[in-house]
Each structure stands twice: as C-alpha cells, then as structure tokens.
Amino acid sequence: MIDYKYDTQLLIEGKGLDEDEIYDYIAENFQGDSLLAIGDDDIIKLHYHTNEPWKVLEYCASLGEIFDIVIEDMSRQAKGLKG
C-alpha cells in the first residue's frame, strides 16, 4: 500500500526564491514524503509525494510561475497501469 499516491513534480520560476523556505513550508503544511526543493533565487525544482497535489500546486503558484508540471498516480504505476 502506498501512503502518498501522487508523485508531484514541477518548476517554479520567480524572483528571490529560497529553496529552504519552500522546503520548510511544504514539510510543515502538507502531508507527504520524499520532498526535494532544489534551485536558486530564480528557479526551483520541486518533487513531492502527496495525496493532495492541488494544494502544493496552489502554494507554488503563489511564489511565481509554475511549469513542467507532472503528477503521476504511483498506485497505478505499482499495478503496471498507464496514466
């Protein structure tokens, strides 16, 4: 059984981004695991396993432009299904 169903990945483009602040906010406010927030002041790559990816997207969109968004259902992957 997978605790967190959705593998959520995206890029955030903005000004004055802080990977540590983004990491801490997500870790404290959204349930999930396997969190990575890596980048610099202008662009952050985010990876997170969660059951509520829309909340993560909403937060990230408040920081700047989000793009290259990928949300994969890991339970379907585990069953060998596509999509």
Protein backbone atom coordinates (compact mmCIF):
# COMPACT_ATOMS: atom_id res chain seq x y z
CA MET A 1 0.00 0.00 0.00
CA ILE A 2 1.29 3.43 -0.95
CA ASP A 3 0.84 6.08 1.76
CA TYR A 4 1.07 9.01 -0.65
CA LYS A 5 -0.50 8.39 -4.03
CA TYR A 6 0.75 11.23 -6.25
CA ASP A 7 4.31 11.91 -7.36
CA THR A 8 4.22 15.68 -7.87
CA GLN A 9 6.99 17.45 -9.79
CA LEU A 10 7.25 20.98 -11.13
CA LEU A 11 9.44 24.00 -11.67
CA ILE A 12 8.84 27.37 -10.01
CA GLU A 13 10.24 30.47 -11.70
CA GLY A 14 10.31 33.74 -9.78
CA LYS A 15 12.46 36.28 -8.00
CA GLY A 16 14.07 35.85 -4.60
CA LEU A 17 13.05 32.19 -4.24
CA ASP A 18 14.51 30.37 -1.25
CA GLU A 19 14.69 26.57 -1.50
CA ASP A 20 14.98 26.16 2.28
CA GLU A 21 11.89 28.29 2.98
CA ILE A 22 9.89 26.44 0.31
CA TYR A 23 11.02 23.06 1.65
CA ASP A 24 10.16 24.01 5.24
CA TYR A 25 6.73 25.43 4.32
CA ILE A 26 5.73 22.34 2.36
CA ALA A 27 7.04 19.94 5.02
CA GLU A 28 5.13 21.79 7.75
CA ASN A 29 1.85 22.37 5.88
CA PHE A 30 1.25 19.42 3.53
CA GLN A 31 1.33 15.73 4.34
CA GLY A 32 3.69 13.70 2.17
CA ASP A 33 7.20 12.33 1.80
CA SER A 34 10.23 12.29 -0.50
CA LEU A 35 10.38 16.09 -0.60
CA LEU A 36 13.06 17.81 -2.66
CA ALA A 37 13.27 21.55 -3.33
CA ILE A 38 16.44 22.40 -5.23
CA GLY A 39 17.48 25.50 -7.13
CA ASP A 40 18.45 29.12 -6.77
CA ASP A 41 16.86 32.58 -6.43
CA ASP A 42 15.21 32.36 -9.86
CA ILE A 43 14.13 28.74 -10.31
CA ILE A 44 13.28 25.83 -8.01
CA LYS A 45 12.72 22.19 -8.94
CA LEU A 46 10.17 20.60 -6.61
CA HIS A 47 9.47 16.90 -6.09
CA TYR A 48 6.95 15.62 -3.51
CA HIS A 49 4.79 12.56 -2.86
CA THR A 50 1.37 13.63 -1.52
CA ASN A 51 -2.33 12.80 -1.65
CA GLU A 52 -3.27 16.43 -2.32
CA PRO A 53 -1.09 17.73 -5.16
CA TRP A 54 -3.52 20.57 -5.91
CA LYS A 55 -2.63 22.18 -2.56
CA VAL A 56 1.08 22.01 -3.38
CA LEU A 57 0.41 23.50 -6.84
CA GLU A 58 -1.63 26.33 -5.34
CA TYR A 59 1.15 27.20 -2.89
CA CYS A 60 3.86 27.03 -5.55
CA ALA A 61 1.81 29.21 -7.92
CA SER A 62 1.72 31.87 -5.19
CA LEU A 63 5.54 32.05 -5.37
CA GLY A 64 5.91 32.55 -9.13
CA GLU A 65 5.17 30.91 -12.45
CA ILE A 66 4.86 27.12 -12.30
CA PHE A 67 5.55 24.92 -15.32
CA ASP A 68 6.75 21.48 -16.40
CA ILE A 69 4.12 20.08 -14.04
CA VAL A 70 3.98 16.29 -13.75
CA ILE A 71 1.59 14.49 -11.42
CA GLU A 72 1.74 10.71 -11.60
CA ASP A 73 -0.50 8.24 -9.79
CA MET A 74 2.03 5.91 -8.17
CA SER A 75 -0.62 3.32 -7.23
CA ARG A 76 -1.38 2.86 -10.93
CA GLN A 77 2.33 2.57 -11.66
CA ALA A 78 2.68 -0.10 -8.96
CA LYS A 79 -0.12 -2.08 -10.64
CA GLY A 80 1.58 -1.76 -14.04
CA LEU A 81 -1.14 0.53 -15.41
CA LYS A 82 -0.53 3.61 -17.54
CA GLY A 83 -1.76 7.12 -16.86
